[in-house]
Amino acid sequence: MVSLSGDGGLTMLLGELFTLRQNRLPAKIVVFNNGSLNFVELEMKAAGIVNYATELDNPQLAEVAAAIGLWARRVERPGDLEDALKSAFAHEGPALVEVMTARQELSVPPAITVEQAKGFTLYAIRTILSGRGEELLDLVTTNVARRILH
């Protein structure tokens, strides 16, 4: 199984999809699509920089894969993920599962340094001062409130 994030995975992925179909390879691909260069955004936030030019206008990758001839499914709700993965792994040929994820979902490193915490605080202040407070609120709601309520 190959796992790609939305961070540039499309460029590398298209050629591989054709190769999988052409050679009928039974590879299973899971793409986490958050519509942004999220790892770049995370690095920018940790450095105290308000993110800029990191939004992606991705096509529906499952539709692209299906058009090429692969088994494909797009998952938009967490409850549909297990069935999609079971179906993909049961399929004899190549399969792609596109999993839509929240853009503001943070991938938290195992250890957060003091510098990263200071940088993130600076990012938060700059985001509010630049009039993008809703983005910061969405970040908090996605990562804190959801965990408290679940």
N, C-alpha and C. Protein backbone atom coordinates (compact mmCIF):
# COMPACT_ATOMS: atom_id res chain seq x y z
N MET A 1 0.84 -1.17 0.00
CA MET A 1 0.00 0.00 0.00
C MET A 1 0.88 1.24 0.00
N VAL A 2 0.49 2.22 -0.75
CA VAL A 2 1.17 3.50 -0.81
C VAL A 2 0.26 4.52 -0.16
N SER A 3 0.81 5.40 0.62
CA SER A 3 0.00 6.45 1.24
C SER A 3 0.60 7.79 0.87
N LEU A 4 -0.21 8.66 0.27
CA LEU A 4 0.25 9.98 -0.12
C LEU A 4 -0.60 11.03 0.53
N SER A 5 -0.02 12.16 0.83
CA SER A 5 -0.80 13.28 1.34
C SER A 5 -1.15 14.18 0.18
N GLY A 6 -1.95 15.20 0.42
CA GLY A 6 -2.27 16.16 -0.61
C GLY A 6 -1.08 17.04 -0.95
N ASP A 7 0.02 16.91 -0.25
CA ASP A 7 1.18 17.76 -0.44
C ASP A 7 2.01 17.31 -1.63
N GLY A 8 1.57 17.65 -2.82
CA GLY A 8 2.35 17.32 -4.01
C GLY A 8 2.17 15.90 -4.49
N GLY A 9 1.30 15.12 -3.85
CA GLY A 9 1.10 13.74 -4.25
C GLY A 9 0.55 13.60 -5.66
N LEU A 10 -0.20 14.58 -6.13
CA LEU A 10 -0.84 14.50 -7.44
C LEU A 10 0.18 14.41 -8.55
N THR A 11 1.24 15.18 -8.49
CA THR A 11 2.23 15.19 -9.55
C THR A 11 2.87 13.83 -9.71
N MET A 12 3.23 13.26 -8.60
CA MET A 12 3.89 11.98 -8.60
C MET A 12 2.88 10.87 -8.88
N LEU A 13 1.64 11.07 -8.54
CA LEU A 13 0.64 10.02 -8.59
C LEU A 13 0.15 9.70 -10.00
N LEU A 14 -0.01 10.67 -10.86
CA LEU A 14 -0.64 10.45 -12.15
C LEU A 14 0.10 9.40 -12.99
N GLY A 15 1.41 9.53 -13.09
CA GLY A 15 2.19 8.55 -13.84
C GLY A 15 2.09 7.15 -13.25
N GLU A 16 2.07 7.09 -11.92
CA GLU A 16 1.97 5.79 -11.27
C GLU A 16 0.61 5.13 -11.51
N LEU A 17 -0.44 5.93 -11.59
CA LEU A 17 -1.77 5.36 -11.86
C LEU A 17 -1.79 4.68 -13.23
N PHE A 18 -1.19 5.33 -14.23
CA PHE A 18 -1.12 4.71 -15.56
C PHE A 18 -0.29 3.43 -15.52
N THR A 19 0.80 3.46 -14.78
CA THR A 19 1.66 2.28 -14.67
C THR A 19 0.92 1.12 -13.99
N LEU A 20 0.19 1.42 -12.92
CA LEU A 20 -0.57 0.38 -12.23
C LEU A 20 -1.59 -0.26 -13.16
N ARG A 21 -2.29 0.56 -13.93
CA ARG A 21 -3.30 0.02 -14.85
C ARG A 21 -2.64 -0.78 -15.95
N GLN A 22 -1.61 -0.20 -16.56
CA GLN A 22 -0.93 -0.87 -17.68
C GLN A 22 -0.40 -2.24 -17.28
N ASN A 23 0.17 -2.33 -16.08
CA ASN A 23 0.78 -3.59 -15.64
C ASN A 23 -0.15 -4.42 -14.76
N ARG A 24 -1.36 -3.92 -14.55
CA ARG A 24 -2.37 -4.62 -13.73
C ARG A 24 -1.80 -5.00 -12.35
N LEU A 25 -1.09 -4.06 -11.75
CA LEU A 25 -0.48 -4.30 -10.45
C LEU A 25 -1.53 -4.15 -9.35
N PRO A 26 -1.56 -5.04 -8.38
CA PRO A 26 -2.59 -4.99 -7.34
C PRO A 26 -2.28 -4.02 -6.19
N ALA A 27 -1.60 -2.92 -6.49
CA ALA A 27 -1.25 -1.94 -5.45
C ALA A 27 -2.50 -1.23 -4.95
N LYS A 28 -2.48 -0.87 -3.69
CA LYS A 28 -3.58 -0.13 -3.07
C LYS A 28 -3.01 1.21 -2.63
N ILE A 29 -3.67 2.29 -3.03
CA ILE A 29 -3.21 3.65 -2.73
C ILE A 29 -4.25 4.35 -1.89
N VAL A 30 -3.80 5.00 -0.82
CA VAL A 30 -4.67 5.83 0.01
C VAL A 30 -4.12 7.25 -0.07
N VAL A 31 -4.94 8.19 -0.52
CA VAL A 31 -4.54 9.59 -0.64
C VAL A 31 -5.31 10.38 0.41
N PHE A 32 -4.60 11.09 1.27
CA PHE A 32 -5.24 11.97 2.25
C PHE A 32 -5.28 13.35 1.62
N ASN A 33 -6.47 13.82 1.29
CA ASN A 33 -6.64 15.07 0.55
C ASN A 33 -7.22 16.13 1.48
N ASN A 34 -6.41 17.11 1.82
CA ASN A 34 -6.89 18.22 2.66
C ASN A 34 -6.95 19.53 1.88
N GLY A 35 -6.71 19.46 0.57
CA GLY A 35 -6.82 20.64 -0.26
C GLY A 35 -5.77 21.70 -0.01
N SER A 36 -4.65 21.30 0.58
CA SER A 36 -3.61 22.28 0.87
C SER A 36 -2.24 21.60 0.96
N LEU A 37 -1.22 22.43 0.96
CA LEU A 37 0.13 21.96 1.25
C LEU A 37 0.28 22.01 2.77
N ASN A 38 -0.37 21.07 3.45
CA ASN A 38 -0.52 21.16 4.89
C ASN A 38 0.79 21.06 5.65
N PHE A 39 1.72 20.23 5.19
CA PHE A 39 2.99 20.13 5.90
C PHE A 39 3.75 21.45 5.79
N VAL A 40 3.65 22.11 4.64
CA VAL A 40 4.27 23.42 4.48
C VAL A 40 3.60 24.42 5.42
N GLU A 41 2.27 24.39 5.48
CA GLU A 41 1.54 25.28 6.39
C GLU A 41 1.97 25.06 7.84
N LEU A 42 2.11 23.81 8.23
CA LEU A 42 2.50 23.49 9.60
C LEU A 42 3.89 24.05 9.92
N GLU A 43 4.81 23.89 8.96
CA GLU A 43 6.14 24.45 9.17
C GLU A 43 6.09 25.97 9.27
N MET A 44 5.25 26.59 8.45
CA MET A 44 5.12 28.05 8.49
C MET A 44 4.56 28.49 9.84
N LYS A 45 3.54 27.79 10.33
CA LYS A 45 2.94 28.13 11.62
C LYS A 45 3.96 27.98 12.74
N ALA A 46 4.73 26.90 12.71
CA ALA A 46 5.73 26.68 13.75
C ALA A 46 6.82 27.74 13.73
N ALA A 47 7.02 28.36 12.55
CA ALA A 47 8.02 29.42 12.43
C ALA A 47 7.42 30.80 12.68
N GLY A 48 6.10 30.85 12.95
CA GLY A 48 5.45 32.12 13.23
C GLY A 48 4.98 32.86 11.99
N ILE A 49 4.92 32.18 10.87
CA ILE A 49 4.54 32.81 9.60
C ILE A 49 3.08 32.49 9.29
N VAL A 50 2.33 33.52 8.91
CA VAL A 50 0.94 33.32 8.47
C VAL A 50 1.03 32.67 7.09
N ASN A 51 0.36 31.52 6.92
CA ASN A 51 0.49 30.79 5.67
C ASN A 51 -0.03 31.60 4.49
N TYR A 52 0.63 31.38 3.34
CA TYR A 52 0.30 32.09 2.12
C TYR A 52 0.55 31.16 0.93
N ALA A 53 -0.39 31.14 -0.01
CA ALA A 53 -0.25 30.39 -1.27
C ALA A 53 -0.06 28.89 -1.04
N THR A 54 -0.76 28.34 -0.06
CA THR A 54 -0.63 26.91 0.20
C THR A 54 -1.92 26.14 -0.10
N GLU A 55 -2.94 26.84 -0.59
CA GLU A 55 -4.20 26.16 -0.92
C GLU A 55 -4.07 25.48 -2.27
N LEU A 56 -4.58 24.26 -2.37
CA LEU A 56 -4.56 23.51 -3.62
C LEU A 56 -5.98 23.39 -4.17
N ASP A 57 -6.10 23.40 -5.46
CA ASP A 57 -7.38 23.18 -6.13
C ASP A 57 -7.31 21.81 -6.78
N ASN A 58 -7.35 20.77 -5.94
CA ASN A 58 -7.22 19.40 -6.42
C ASN A 58 -8.48 18.95 -7.15
N PRO A 59 -8.31 18.17 -8.21
CA PRO A 59 -9.48 17.51 -8.79
C PRO A 59 -9.91 16.38 -7.86
N GLN A 60 -11.05 15.79 -8.11
CA GLN A 60 -11.44 14.62 -7.32
C GLN A 60 -10.56 13.47 -7.80
N LEU A 61 -9.58 13.11 -6.97
CA LEU A 61 -8.57 12.13 -7.36
C LEU A 61 -9.17 10.75 -7.60
N ALA A 62 -10.23 10.41 -6.88
CA ALA A 62 -10.88 9.12 -7.11
C ALA A 62 -11.48 9.08 -8.51
N GLU A 63 -12.02 10.20 -8.97
CA GLU A 63 -12.58 10.24 -10.33
C GLU A 63 -11.47 10.14 -11.37
N VAL A 64 -10.32 10.75 -11.10
CA VAL A 64 -9.18 10.66 -12.02
C VAL A 64 -8.75 9.20 -12.12
N ALA A 65 -8.60 8.53 -10.98
CA ALA A 65 -8.19 7.13 -10.96
C ALA A 65 -9.20 6.25 -11.68
N ALA A 66 -10.48 6.49 -11.46
CA ALA A 66 -11.52 5.70 -12.12
C ALA A 66 -11.48 5.92 -13.63
N ALA A 67 -11.23 7.16 -14.06
CA ALA A 67 -11.15 7.45 -15.49
C ALA A 67 -9.97 6.73 -16.15
N ILE A 68 -8.92 6.51 -15.37
CA ILE A 68 -7.75 5.78 -15.89
C ILE A 68 -8.01 4.28 -15.92
N GLY A 69 -8.98 3.82 -15.13
CA GLY A 69 -9.33 2.40 -15.14
C GLY A 69 -9.07 1.67 -13.85
N LEU A 70 -8.80 2.38 -12.77
CA LEU A 70 -8.59 1.75 -11.47
C LEU A 70 -9.90 1.70 -10.70
N TRP A 71 -9.98 0.76 -9.76
CA TRP A 71 -11.09 0.79 -8.80
C TRP A 71 -10.80 1.99 -7.91
N ALA A 72 -11.82 2.82 -7.65
CA ALA A 72 -11.56 4.02 -6.85
C ALA A 72 -12.80 4.41 -6.06
N ARG A 73 -12.54 4.99 -4.89
CA ARG A 73 -13.62 5.51 -4.07
C ARG A 73 -13.12 6.74 -3.32
N ARG A 74 -14.02 7.73 -3.18
CA ARG A 74 -13.75 8.95 -2.41
C ARG A 74 -14.51 8.84 -1.09
N VAL A 75 -13.82 9.06 0.02
CA VAL A 75 -14.43 8.97 1.34
C VAL A 75 -14.51 10.38 1.93
N GLU A 76 -15.74 10.81 2.21
CA GLU A 76 -15.94 12.15 2.77
C GLU A 76 -16.39 12.11 4.22
N ARG A 77 -16.86 10.95 4.69
CA ARG A 77 -17.31 10.82 6.08
C ARG A 77 -16.51 9.70 6.76
N PRO A 78 -16.05 9.94 7.99
CA PRO A 78 -15.24 8.94 8.69
C PRO A 78 -15.90 7.56 8.76
N GLY A 79 -17.21 7.53 8.88
CA GLY A 79 -17.91 6.26 8.99
C GLY A 79 -17.85 5.40 7.73
N ASP A 80 -17.47 6.00 6.60
CA ASP A 80 -17.40 5.26 5.33
C ASP A 80 -16.01 4.71 5.05
N LEU A 81 -15.04 5.07 5.87
CA LEU A 81 -13.65 4.69 5.60
C LEU A 81 -13.41 3.19 5.66
N GLU A 82 -13.91 2.55 6.69
CA GLU A 82 -13.65 1.11 6.85
C GLU A 82 -14.16 0.31 5.66
N ASP A 83 -15.39 0.58 5.22
CA ASP A 83 -15.94 -0.15 4.06
C ASP A 83 -15.14 0.12 2.79
N ALA A 84 -14.73 1.36 2.61
CA ALA A 84 -13.94 1.71 1.42
C ALA A 84 -12.62 0.95 1.41
N LEU A 85 -11.95 0.90 2.56
CA LEU A 85 -10.67 0.18 2.63
C LEU A 85 -10.85 -1.32 2.43
N LYS A 86 -11.89 -1.89 3.04
CA LYS A 86 -12.15 -3.32 2.85
C LYS A 86 -12.40 -3.63 1.38
N SER A 87 -13.19 -2.79 0.72
CA SER A 87 -13.49 -3.01 -0.70
C SER A 87 -12.24 -2.87 -1.55
N ALA A 88 -11.41 -1.87 -1.25
CA ALA A 88 -10.18 -1.67 -2.02
C ALA A 88 -9.25 -2.86 -1.89
N PHE A 89 -9.08 -3.36 -0.66
CA PHE A 89 -8.18 -4.50 -0.46
C PHE A 89 -8.77 -5.81 -0.99
N ALA A 90 -10.07 -5.88 -1.12
CA ALA A 90 -10.71 -7.08 -1.68
C ALA A 90 -10.60 -7.08 -3.21
N HIS A 91 -10.42 -5.93 -3.80
CA HIS A 91 -10.31 -5.81 -5.26
C HIS A 91 -9.00 -6.42 -5.72
N GLU A 92 -9.04 -7.22 -6.77
CA GLU A 92 -7.84 -7.92 -7.23
C GLU A 92 -6.82 -7.01 -7.92
N GLY A 93 -7.28 -5.94 -8.53
CA GLY A 93 -6.37 -5.06 -9.26
C GLY A 93 -6.00 -3.84 -8.46
N PRO A 94 -5.47 -2.82 -9.15
CA PRO A 94 -5.08 -1.59 -8.47
C PRO A 94 -6.31 -0.83 -7.97
N ALA A 95 -6.15 -0.19 -6.82
CA ALA A 95 -7.27 0.54 -6.21
C ALA A 95 -6.75 1.81 -5.54
N LEU A 96 -7.58 2.84 -5.55
CA LEU A 96 -7.24 4.10 -4.91
C LEU A 96 -8.41 4.53 -4.03
N VAL A 97 -8.09 4.90 -2.80
CA VAL A 97 -9.08 5.46 -1.88
C VAL A 97 -8.63 6.87 -1.56
N GLU A 98 -9.48 7.84 -1.91
CA GLU A 98 -9.20 9.25 -1.61
C GLU A 98 -9.96 9.60 -0.34
N VAL A 99 -9.23 9.98 0.69
CA VAL A 99 -9.83 10.30 1.99
C VAL A 99 -9.76 11.80 2.20
N MET A 100 -10.91 12.42 2.26
CA MET A 100 -10.97 13.87 2.49
C MET A 100 -10.74 14.12 3.98
N THR A 101 -9.80 15.00 4.28
CA THR A 101 -9.49 15.32 5.67
C THR A 101 -9.66 16.82 5.89
N ALA A 102 -9.83 17.20 7.14
CA ALA A 102 -9.98 18.61 7.48
C ALA A 102 -8.67 19.34 7.22
N ARG A 103 -8.75 20.46 6.54
CA ARG A 103 -7.54 21.22 6.21
C ARG A 103 -6.79 21.63 7.46
N GLN A 104 -7.50 22.00 8.50
CA GLN A 104 -6.85 22.51 9.70
C GLN A 104 -6.42 21.41 10.68
N GLU A 105 -6.63 20.15 10.32
CA GLU A 105 -6.22 19.05 11.19
C GLU A 105 -4.70 19.07 11.32
N LEU A 106 -4.21 19.21 12.53
CA LEU A 106 -2.76 19.27 12.74
C LEU A 106 -2.16 17.88 12.87
N SER A 107 -1.00 17.70 12.26
CA SER A 107 -0.22 16.50 12.52
C SER A 107 0.80 16.93 13.55
N VAL A 108 0.58 16.52 14.75
CA VAL A 108 1.42 16.97 15.86
C VAL A 108 2.63 16.05 15.98
N PRO A 109 3.84 16.64 16.00
CA PRO A 109 5.03 15.81 16.17
C PRO A 109 5.06 15.19 17.56
N PRO A 110 5.82 14.09 17.74
CA PRO A 110 5.88 13.42 19.04
C PRO A 110 6.34 14.34 20.16
N ALA A 111 7.18 15.31 19.84
CA ALA A 111 7.65 16.26 20.85
C ALA A 111 7.61 17.65 20.24
N ILE A 112 7.08 18.59 20.98
CA ILE A 112 7.00 19.97 20.52
C ILE A 112 8.06 20.77 21.26
N THR A 113 8.91 21.46 20.49
CA THR A 113 9.97 22.24 21.11
C THR A 113 9.44 23.59 21.57
N VAL A 114 10.18 24.24 22.43
CA VAL A 114 9.82 25.57 22.91
C VAL A 114 9.80 26.55 21.73
N GLU A 115 10.75 26.40 20.82
CA GLU A 115 10.80 27.28 19.64
C GLU A 115 9.55 27.12 18.79
N GLN A 116 9.08 25.87 18.62
CA GLN A 116 7.86 25.64 17.84
C GLN A 116 6.65 26.28 18.53
N ALA A 117 6.58 26.15 19.84
CA ALA A 117 5.46 26.74 20.60
C ALA A 117 5.50 28.27 20.48
N LYS A 118 6.69 28.85 20.56
CA LYS A 118 6.81 30.31 20.41
C LYS A 118 6.41 30.73 19.00
N GLY A 119 6.87 29.97 18.01
CA GLY A 119 6.54 30.28 16.62
C GLY A 119 5.05 30.18 16.37
N PHE A 120 4.41 29.16 16.94
CA PHE A 120 2.97 28.99 16.75
C PHE A 120 2.21 30.15 17.41
N THR A 121 2.68 30.59 18.57
CA THR A 121 2.05 31.74 19.24
C THR A 121 2.18 32.99 18.37
N LEU A 122 3.35 33.19 17.79
CA LEU A 122 3.57 34.32 16.90
C LEU A 122 2.65 34.22 15.68
N TYR A 123 2.53 33.01 15.11
CA TYR A 123 1.61 32.79 13.99
C TYR A 123 0.18 33.19 14.38
N ALA A 124 -0.27 32.77 15.56
CA ALA A 124 -1.63 33.06 16.01
C ALA A 124 -1.85 34.57 16.12
N ILE A 125 -0.90 35.27 16.69
CA ILE A 125 -1.02 36.73 16.83
C ILE A 125 -1.05 37.40 15.46
N ARG A 126 -0.15 36.99 14.58
CA ARG A 126 -0.10 37.58 13.24
C ARG A 126 -1.36 37.27 12.44
N THR A 127 -1.91 36.08 12.63
CA THR A 127 -3.13 35.70 11.91
C THR A 127 -4.29 36.60 12.34
N ILE A 128 -4.41 36.84 13.63
CA ILE A 128 -5.48 37.71 14.14
C ILE A 128 -5.27 39.14 13.64
N LEU A 129 -4.03 39.63 13.72
CA LEU A 129 -3.75 41.00 13.30
C LEU A 129 -3.94 41.21 11.79
N SER A 130 -3.81 40.13 11.01
CA SER A 130 -3.98 40.26 9.56
C SER A 130 -5.45 40.09 9.15
N GLY A 131 -6.34 40.00 10.16
CA GLY A 131 -7.77 39.90 9.86
C GLY A 131 -8.24 38.52 9.49
N ARG A 132 -7.44 37.51 9.81
CA ARG A 132 -7.81 36.12 9.48
C ARG A 132 -8.11 35.32 10.74
N GLY A 133 -8.75 35.96 11.70
CA GLY A 133 -9.08 35.30 12.96
C GLY A 133 -9.97 34.09 12.79
N GLU A 134 -10.84 34.09 11.75
CA GLU A 134 -11.71 32.94 11.50
C GLU A 134 -10.89 31.68 11.20
N GLU A 135 -9.76 31.86 10.52
CA GLU A 135 -8.88 30.73 10.22
C GLU A 135 -8.33 30.13 11.52
N LEU A 136 -7.94 30.99 12.44
CA LEU A 136 -7.42 30.53 13.73
C LEU A 136 -8.52 29.84 14.54
N LEU A 137 -9.73 30.39 14.50
CA LEU A 137 -10.86 29.78 15.18
C LEU A 137 -11.16 28.40 14.60
N ASP A 138 -11.08 28.27 13.28
CA ASP A 138 -11.29 26.98 12.63
C ASP A 138 -10.23 25.98 13.06
N LEU A 139 -8.99 26.44 13.18
CA LEU A 139 -7.89 25.58 13.63
C LEU A 139 -8.16 25.05 15.04
N VAL A 140 -8.60 25.93 15.93
CA VAL A 140 -8.89 25.53 17.32
C VAL A 140 -10.09 24.58 17.35
N THR A 141 -11.14 24.92 16.61
CA THR A 141 -12.34 24.08 16.60
C THR A 141 -12.02 22.69 16.07
N THR A 142 -11.25 22.63 14.99
CA THR A 142 -10.91 21.34 14.38
C THR A 142 -10.07 20.47 15.30
N ASN A 143 -9.14 21.07 16.02
CA ASN A 143 -8.16 20.28 16.76
C ASN A 143 -8.40 20.18 18.26
N VAL A 144 -9.11 21.11 18.85
CA VAL A 144 -9.32 21.07 20.29
C VAL A 144 -10.76 20.69 20.61
N ALA A 145 -11.69 21.45 20.12
CA ALA A 145 -13.10 21.24 20.46
C ALA A 145 -13.57 19.84 20.05
N ARG A 146 -13.17 19.40 18.87
CA ARG A 146 -13.59 18.07 18.39
C ARG A 146 -13.08 16.96 19.32
N ARG A 147 -11.87 17.10 19.82
CA ARG A 147 -11.32 16.08 20.71
C ARG A 147 -11.99 16.07 22.08
N ILE A 148 -12.40 17.25 22.52
CA ILE A 148 -13.10 17.35 23.81
C ILE A 148 -14.49 16.73 23.71
N LEU A 149 -15.15 16.97 22.58
CA LEU A 149 -16.53 16.50 22.41
C LEU A 149 -16.63 15.03 22.05
N HIS A 150 -15.52 14.40 21.66
CA HIS A 150 -15.56 12.98 21.27
C HIS A 150 -15.03 12.08 22.34
